[in-house]
């Protein structure tokens, strides 16, 4: 079957950085679904994995952790899906990615695709939705009832970097949980994007965030979700968090961060890594199925918007290289999706 992969860690400008390859079509066993992939999205993790390393790989590594498609076969232990179901998912970091015509994924990581969205709009959603949902409601412990979203304003604030894929979803979900969202963005187009997705207030992360937030008449915030450059913003984060407040980050530090800065405030810090449940095969791995079912429902009810911003066609190495280039420029707003095989 057709897939896109790499055997050497090369600059994206090199045609060999991502190549069209032929690999064996897998078979579904156990809890696996065999999905005929219709569209995939590209995330910063794809770029990171492709660029990191020096060794030559004997077999092509297949990237891709955002997909939508049709279930064509199921393993003997599958109970949640059947052939013919339309699904969407991010999958596992330990297994080959979804940049292939057919893809195996554990049913416990998969949701029924939202019925009201286009194929490309569906593919843009899984990884960022799972990351944002887990960060807000599992790591930051923000109360949320999906059955009664936005039913009551809670008079609490959250600071989010809002223009990227995760920030765009986190902003919407935080609003549904009743929070006042302060989004950080710097360019006119990214400011407009965050406002379109529900940000109440906007600050410029290229300036001092403490001064920016104080200029809004806000002394400190209840929650902070860090989505980029934790090292540069750590001191600002510790200054702005309210006593007893919660901080979560999806980006790792490259230098030591001083957790003692949170001691007197009794602040809480947590990491969010969307792949953790599938990587360690945790007992609550099926929660990702439940989250995606909730996300699909919120999308179909019009309470969430897809963050799709650009679509390329068809799924091939040339278009995947173009999508990687967009991510590497660090100016991406929303999500880029590659749709259809040819």
Protein backbone atom coordinates (compact mmCIF):
# COMPACT_ATOMS: atom_id res chain seq x y z
CA UNK A 1 0.00 0.00 0.00
CA UNK A 2 1.00 3.64 -0.46
CA UNK A 3 2.58 5.46 2.48
CA UNK A 4 4.89 8.43 3.09
CA UNK A 5 7.96 8.03 5.26
CA UNK A 6 11.67 8.67 5.69
CA UNK A 7 14.88 6.74 6.31
CA UNK A 8 17.22 9.70 6.97
CA UNK A 9 16.76 12.80 9.14
CA UNK A 10 17.09 15.47 6.46
CA UNK A 11 16.11 19.14 6.02
CA UNK A 12 12.58 19.40 4.65
CA UNK A 13 13.88 21.07 1.49
CA UNK A 14 15.54 17.77 0.55
CA UNK A 15 13.16 15.63 -1.56
CA UNK A 16 14.35 12.56 0.39
CA UNK A 17 13.22 14.06 3.72
CA UNK A 18 9.78 12.52 3.08
CA UNK A 19 9.30 9.98 0.31
CA UNK A 20 6.44 8.06 -1.26
CA UNK A 21 6.97 4.41 -0.32
CA UNK A 22 5.19 1.07 -0.61
CA UNK A 23 4.70 -0.98 2.56
CA UNK A 24 2.67 -4.06 3.48
CA UNK A 25 -0.99 -3.59 4.32
CA UNK A 26 -1.51 -4.57 8.00
CA UNK A 27 -4.19 -6.84 9.45
CA UNK A 28 -6.44 -6.05 12.42
CA UNK A 29 -6.08 -8.17 15.56
CA UNK A 30 -7.18 -7.81 19.17
CA UNK A 31 -8.48 -4.30 19.85
CA UNK A 32 -7.23 -2.94 16.53
CA UNK A 33 -9.23 -1.23 13.82
CA UNK A 34 -7.97 -1.21 10.24
CA UNK A 35 -8.82 2.25 8.96
CA UNK A 36 -8.82 3.35 5.34
CA UNK A 37 -7.33 6.81 5.79
CA UNK A 38 -9.10 9.69 4.05
CA UNK A 39 -7.20 12.69 5.44
CA UNK A 40 -4.34 13.44 7.83
CA UNK A 41 -3.14 16.55 9.65
CA UNK A 42 0.42 17.60 10.41
CA UNK A 43 1.56 18.69 13.89
CA UNK A 44 4.82 19.99 15.38
CA UNK A 45 5.52 16.47 16.69
CA UNK A 46 5.79 15.22 13.08
CA UNK A 47 8.47 17.82 12.39
CA UNK A 48 10.30 17.05 15.63
CA UNK A 49 10.47 13.30 14.99
CA UNK A 50 11.55 13.78 11.38
CA UNK A 51 14.36 16.20 12.30
CA UNK A 52 15.64 14.49 15.46
CA UNK A 53 18.29 11.83 15.02
CA UNK A 54 21.25 10.98 12.81
CA UNK A 55 21.02 7.27 12.12
CA UNK A 56 19.95 5.77 8.80
CA UNK A 57 16.78 3.69 9.22
CA UNK A 58 16.61 0.30 7.52
CA UNK A 59 12.84 0.61 7.05
CA UNK A 60 10.90 3.81 6.35
CA UNK A 61 9.46 5.45 9.45
CA UNK A 62 5.86 6.50 8.92
CA UNK A 63 4.74 9.68 10.67
CA UNK A 64 1.25 11.05 11.30
CA UNK A 65 -0.86 11.43 14.43
CA UNK A 66 -4.12 12.91 13.18
CA UNK A 67 -6.42 10.97 10.90
CA UNK A 68 -9.97 10.41 9.78
CA UNK A 69 -11.24 7.53 7.70
CA UNK A 70 -13.46 4.48 7.41
CA UNK A 71 -13.12 1.27 9.43
CA UNK A 72 -12.61 -1.62 6.98
CA UNK A 73 -11.83 -4.45 9.42
CA UNK A 74 -11.74 -5.06 13.18
CA UNK A 75 -9.83 -7.33 15.54
CA UNK A 76 -11.54 -10.11 17.48
CA UNK A 77 -11.63 -8.08 20.74
CA UNK A 78 -13.21 -4.94 19.26
CA UNK A 79 -16.55 -3.89 20.79
CA UNK A 80 -16.79 -0.14 20.11
CA UNK A 81 -16.78 -0.06 16.29
CA UNK A 82 -17.69 -2.06 13.22
CA UNK A 83 -16.68 -1.97 9.54
CA UNK A 84 -18.18 1.02 7.77
CA UNK A 85 -17.89 3.40 10.75
CA UNK A 86 -16.36 6.80 10.09
CA UNK A 87 -13.75 7.56 12.76
CA UNK A 88 -11.16 10.11 13.83
CA UNK A 89 -8.16 9.72 16.12
CA UNK A 90 -4.57 10.63 16.96
CA UNK A 91 -3.25 7.15 17.75
CA UNK A 92 -0.09 5.97 19.48
CA UNK A 93 3.49 7.23 19.49
CA UNK A 94 4.81 3.66 19.69
CA UNK A 95 3.26 2.46 16.41
CA UNK A 96 3.60 3.48 12.75
CA UNK A 97 1.80 6.73 12.03
CA UNK A 98 -1.24 7.37 9.88
CA UNK A 99 0.49 8.74 6.75
CA UNK A 100 -0.52 5.58 4.90
CA UNK A 101 -3.48 4.37 2.86
CA UNK A 102 -4.50 1.94 5.63
CA UNK A 103 -3.65 2.26 9.32
CA UNK A 104 -3.98 0.13 12.46
CA UNK A 105 -5.14 1.86 15.65
CA UNK A 106 -6.44 0.62 19.00
CA UNK A 107 -10.19 1.20 19.29
CA UNK A 108 -9.73 2.71 22.75
CA UNK A 109 -7.97 5.70 21.16
CA UNK A 110 -10.64 6.31 18.51
CA UNK A 111 -13.88 8.28 18.32
CA UNK A 112 -16.80 8.21 15.90
CA UNK A 113 -16.19 11.07 13.49
CA UNK A 114 -18.43 14.16 13.79
CA UNK A 115 -21.15 13.87 11.16
CA UNK A 116 -21.48 17.57 10.35
CA UNK A 117 -17.86 18.31 9.42
CA UNK A 118 -16.05 17.88 6.13
CA UNK A 119 -13.38 15.20 5.92
CA UNK A 120 -10.57 17.75 6.18
CA UNK A 121 -12.19 19.56 9.11
CA UNK A 122 -12.47 16.26 10.99
CA UNK A 123 -8.81 15.38 10.44
CA UNK A 124 -7.72 18.68 11.99
CA UNK A 125 -9.23 17.88 15.37
CA UNK A 126 -8.10 14.73 17.25
CA UNK A 127 -4.58 15.39 18.58
CA UNK A 128 -5.19 19.00 19.55
CA UNK A 129 -8.60 18.24 21.06
CA UNK A 130 -7.21 15.41 23.19
CA UNK A 131 -4.29 17.56 24.31
CA UNK A 132 -6.45 20.55 25.17
CA UNK A 133 -9.15 18.47 26.91
CA UNK A 134 -6.66 16.51 29.03
CA UNK A 135 -4.67 19.64 29.89
CA UNK A 136 -7.70 21.63 30.98
CA UNK A 137 -9.85 19.03 32.69
CA UNK A 138 -7.40 16.35 33.85
CA UNK A 139 -4.19 18.29 34.55
CA UNK A 140 -5.53 21.75 35.49
CA UNK A 141 -8.63 20.16 37.08
CA UNK A 142 -11.03 22.76 35.68
CA UNK A 143 -14.62 21.65 36.38
CA UNK A 144 -16.55 20.87 33.17
CA UNK A 145 -19.84 19.15 32.39
CA UNK A 146 -20.06 18.43 28.63
CA UNK A 147 -23.82 18.00 28.97
CA UNK A 148 -24.17 21.57 30.25
CA UNK A 149 -21.42 23.58 28.54
CA UNK A 150 -21.25 27.31 29.13
CA UNK A 151 -24.20 27.10 31.51
CA UNK A 152 -22.62 29.33 34.14
CA UNK A 153 -19.77 31.86 34.24
CA UNK A 154 -17.30 30.79 36.93
CA UNK A 155 -15.45 34.13 37.35
CA UNK A 156 -12.07 32.46 36.85
CA UNK A 157 -9.37 33.32 34.34
CA UNK A 158 -6.97 31.32 32.18
CA UNK A 159 -3.98 32.46 30.15
CA UNK A 160 -3.39 30.49 26.92
CA UNK A 161 -1.20 30.86 23.86
CA UNK A 162 -4.17 30.82 21.55
CA UNK A 163 -3.23 30.88 17.86
CA UNK A 164 -1.93 27.34 17.32
CA UNK A 165 -3.88 24.13 17.03
CA UNK A 166 -3.98 23.25 20.74
CA UNK A 167 -4.56 26.85 21.82
CA UNK A 168 -7.46 27.23 19.40
CA UNK A 169 -9.26 24.25 20.93
CA UNK A 170 -8.26 25.04 24.51
CA UNK A 171 -9.68 28.55 24.13
CA UNK A 172 -13.03 27.17 22.99
CA UNK A 173 -13.18 24.50 25.68
CA UNK A 174 -12.21 26.95 28.42
CA UNK A 175 -15.02 29.24 27.29
CA UNK A 176 -17.46 26.31 27.44
CA UNK A 177 -16.26 25.72 31.01
CA UNK A 178 -17.20 29.31 31.88
CA UNK A 179 -13.72 30.81 32.14
CA UNK A 180 -12.55 34.21 30.98
CA UNK A 181 -9.84 33.49 28.42
CA UNK A 182 -6.76 35.68 28.06
CA UNK A 183 -5.02 34.66 24.85
CA UNK A 184 -1.46 35.53 23.93
CA UNK A 185 -0.85 36.41 20.27
CA UNK A 186 1.34 38.92 18.47
CA UNK A 187 0.37 39.33 14.81
CA UNK A 188 -2.88 40.90 13.54
CA UNK A 189 -3.94 37.64 11.90
CA UNK A 190 -3.22 35.52 15.00
CA UNK A 191 -5.00 38.05 17.22
CA UNK A 192 -8.04 37.89 14.94
CA UNK A 193 -7.91 34.08 14.95
CA UNK A 194 -7.90 33.85 18.75
CA UNK A 195 -10.78 36.29 19.00
CA UNK A 196 -12.77 34.31 16.42
CA UNK A 197 -12.32 31.25 18.62
CA UNK A 198 -13.57 32.93 21.76
CA UNK A 199 -10.70 34.77 23.45
CA UNK A 200 -12.06 37.51 25.72
CA UNK A 201 -8.78 39.41 26.00
CA UNK A 202 -5.48 39.33 24.10
CA UNK A 203 -1.92 40.04 25.25
CA UNK A 204 1.31 40.11 23.25
CA UNK A 205 3.77 37.37 24.27
CA UNK A 206 6.61 39.28 22.58
CA UNK A 207 6.25 41.85 25.36
CA UNK A 208 6.43 41.31 29.11
CA UNK A 209 3.39 39.17 29.92
CA UNK A 210 3.15 40.44 33.50
CA UNK A 211 2.86 44.04 32.31
CA UNK A 212 0.48 43.01 29.52
CA UNK A 213 -1.89 41.22 31.91
CA UNK A 214 -1.68 43.95 34.55
CA UNK A 215 -2.57 46.51 31.86
CA UNK A 216 -5.88 44.66 31.49
CA UNK A 217 -6.62 45.40 35.14
CA UNK A 218 -5.96 41.78 36.14
CA UNK A 219 -3.47 41.10 38.93
CA UNK A 220 -3.17 37.31 38.58
CA UNK A 221 -4.89 34.37 36.90
CA UNK A 222 -6.35 31.10 38.14
CA UNK A 223 -4.95 28.86 35.41
CA UNK A 224 -2.11 29.00 32.88
CA UNK A 225 -1.70 26.62 29.94
CA UNK A 226 1.80 26.87 28.48
CA UNK A 227 2.01 25.85 24.83
CA UNK A 228 5.37 27.23 23.74
CA UNK A 229 8.79 28.31 25.07
CA UNK A 230 8.38 27.40 28.73
CA UNK A 231 11.93 28.54 29.50
CA UNK A 232 11.39 32.12 28.37
CA UNK A 233 8.05 32.54 30.11
CA UNK A 234 8.58 30.60 33.35
CA UNK A 235 9.28 33.64 35.56
CA UNK A 236 6.27 35.46 34.11
CA UNK A 237 4.09 32.39 34.63
CA UNK A 238 5.12 32.11 38.29
CA UNK A 239 4.46 35.81 38.84
CA UNK A 240 1.04 35.75 37.20
CA UNK A 241 -0.38 32.57 38.71
CA UNK A 242 -2.80 33.16 41.58
CA UNK A 243 -2.06 31.59 44.98
CA UNK A 244 -3.42 28.06 44.81
CA UNK A 245 -3.48 28.29 41.02
CA UNK A 246 -2.73 25.57 38.47
CA UNK A 247 -0.19 25.54 35.62
CA UNK A 248 0.19 22.96 32.86
CA UNK A 249 2.59 22.81 29.92
CA UNK A 250 2.84 20.72 26.77
CA UNK A 251 6.35 21.95 25.87
CA UNK A 252 9.40 20.74 27.75
CA UNK A 253 12.00 23.00 29.30
CA UNK A 254 15.54 23.01 27.89
CA UNK A 255 16.97 24.65 31.01
CA UNK A 256 16.16 23.88 34.67
CA UNK A 257 12.96 25.54 35.85
CA UNK A 258 12.78 26.74 39.43
CA UNK A 259 9.75 25.08 41.04
CA UNK A 260 10.56 26.88 44.30
CA UNK A 261 8.99 29.95 42.74
CA UNK A 262 5.63 28.22 43.31
CA UNK A 263 6.23 27.22 46.93
CA UNK A 264 4.76 30.22 48.73
CA UNK A 265 1.85 30.40 46.32
CA UNK A 266 1.16 26.68 46.80
CA UNK A 267 0.94 26.52 43.03
CA UNK A 268 0.56 23.28 41.10
CA UNK A 269 2.50 22.41 37.94
CA UNK A 270 1.74 19.48 35.64
CA UNK A 271 2.90 18.14 32.29
CA UNK A 272 0.49 17.19 29.54
CA UNK A 273 1.59 14.63 26.95
CA UNK A 274 -1.28 13.35 24.86
CA UNK A 275 0.52 10.09 24.03
CA UNK A 276 1.11 9.09 27.66
CA UNK A 277 -1.92 6.79 27.98
CA UNK A 278 -1.18 4.82 24.82
CA UNK A 279 2.60 4.87 25.39
CA UNK A 280 2.25 3.17 28.78
CA UNK A 281 -1.01 1.37 27.97
CA UNK A 282 -2.59 2.81 31.11
CA UNK A 283 -5.78 1.49 32.65
CA UNK A 284 -7.60 4.69 31.65
CA UNK A 285 -6.49 4.59 27.99
CA UNK A 286 -10.12 4.26 26.90
CA UNK A 287 -10.70 7.78 28.21
CA UNK A 288 -9.33 9.02 24.87
CA UNK A 289 -12.22 7.27 23.13
CA UNK A 290 -14.61 8.98 25.56
CA UNK A 291 -12.99 12.40 25.02
CA UNK A 292 -13.20 12.11 21.23
CA UNK A 293 -16.86 11.07 21.50
CA UNK A 294 -17.45 14.23 23.56
CA UNK A 295 -15.52 16.39 21.10
CA UNK A 296 -17.52 14.97 18.18
CA UNK A 297 -20.77 15.74 20.00
CA UNK A 298 -19.69 19.31 20.76
CA UNK A 299 -18.70 19.80 17.11
CA UNK A 300 -21.99 18.40 15.83
CA UNK A 301 -23.90 20.65 18.23
CA UNK A 302 -22.03 23.67 16.92
CA UNK A 303 -20.41 24.38 20.28
CA UNK A 304 -16.89 23.81 18.94
CA UNK A 305 -15.37 24.93 15.64
CA UNK A 306 -12.83 22.95 13.67
CA UNK A 307 -9.45 24.68 13.59
CA UNK A 308 -8.72 23.70 9.98
CA UNK A 309 -7.01 26.61 8.25
CA UNK A 310 -5.43 25.06 5.14
CA UNK A 311 -6.04 21.95 3.01
CA UNK A 312 -3.63 20.34 0.54
CA UNK A 313 -4.52 17.58 -1.95
CA UNK A 314 -3.70 14.73 -2.47
CA UNK A 315 -1.85 12.83 0.29
CA UNK A 316 1.67 12.41 -1.09
CA UNK A 317 5.26 13.21 -0.16
CA UNK A 318 5.27 16.55 -1.98
CA UNK A 319 2.27 17.88 -0.06
CA UNK A 320 3.47 16.45 3.25
CA UNK A 321 6.80 18.23 2.76
CA UNK A 322 4.91 21.45 2.10
CA UNK A 323 2.88 20.96 5.29
CA UNK A 324 6.06 20.33 7.29
CA UNK A 325 7.54 23.53 5.88
CA UNK A 326 4.50 25.49 7.07
CA UNK A 327 4.95 24.12 10.58
CA UNK A 328 8.70 24.81 10.58
CA UNK A 329 8.12 28.49 9.78
CA UNK A 330 6.55 28.88 13.26
CA UNK A 331 3.80 31.15 11.95
CA UNK A 332 1.12 28.49 11.52
CA UNK A 333 -2.38 29.50 12.58
CA UNK A 334 -4.78 26.62 13.12
CA UNK A 335 -4.14 23.29 11.37
CA UNK A 336 -3.00 22.12 7.94
CA UNK A 337 -4.61 18.96 6.54
CA UNK A 338 -3.73 16.77 3.56
CA UNK A 339 -6.74 15.01 2.03
CA UNK A 340 -7.34 12.18 -0.44
CA UNK A 341 -5.15 9.66 -2.25
CA UNK A 342 -4.33 9.68 -5.93
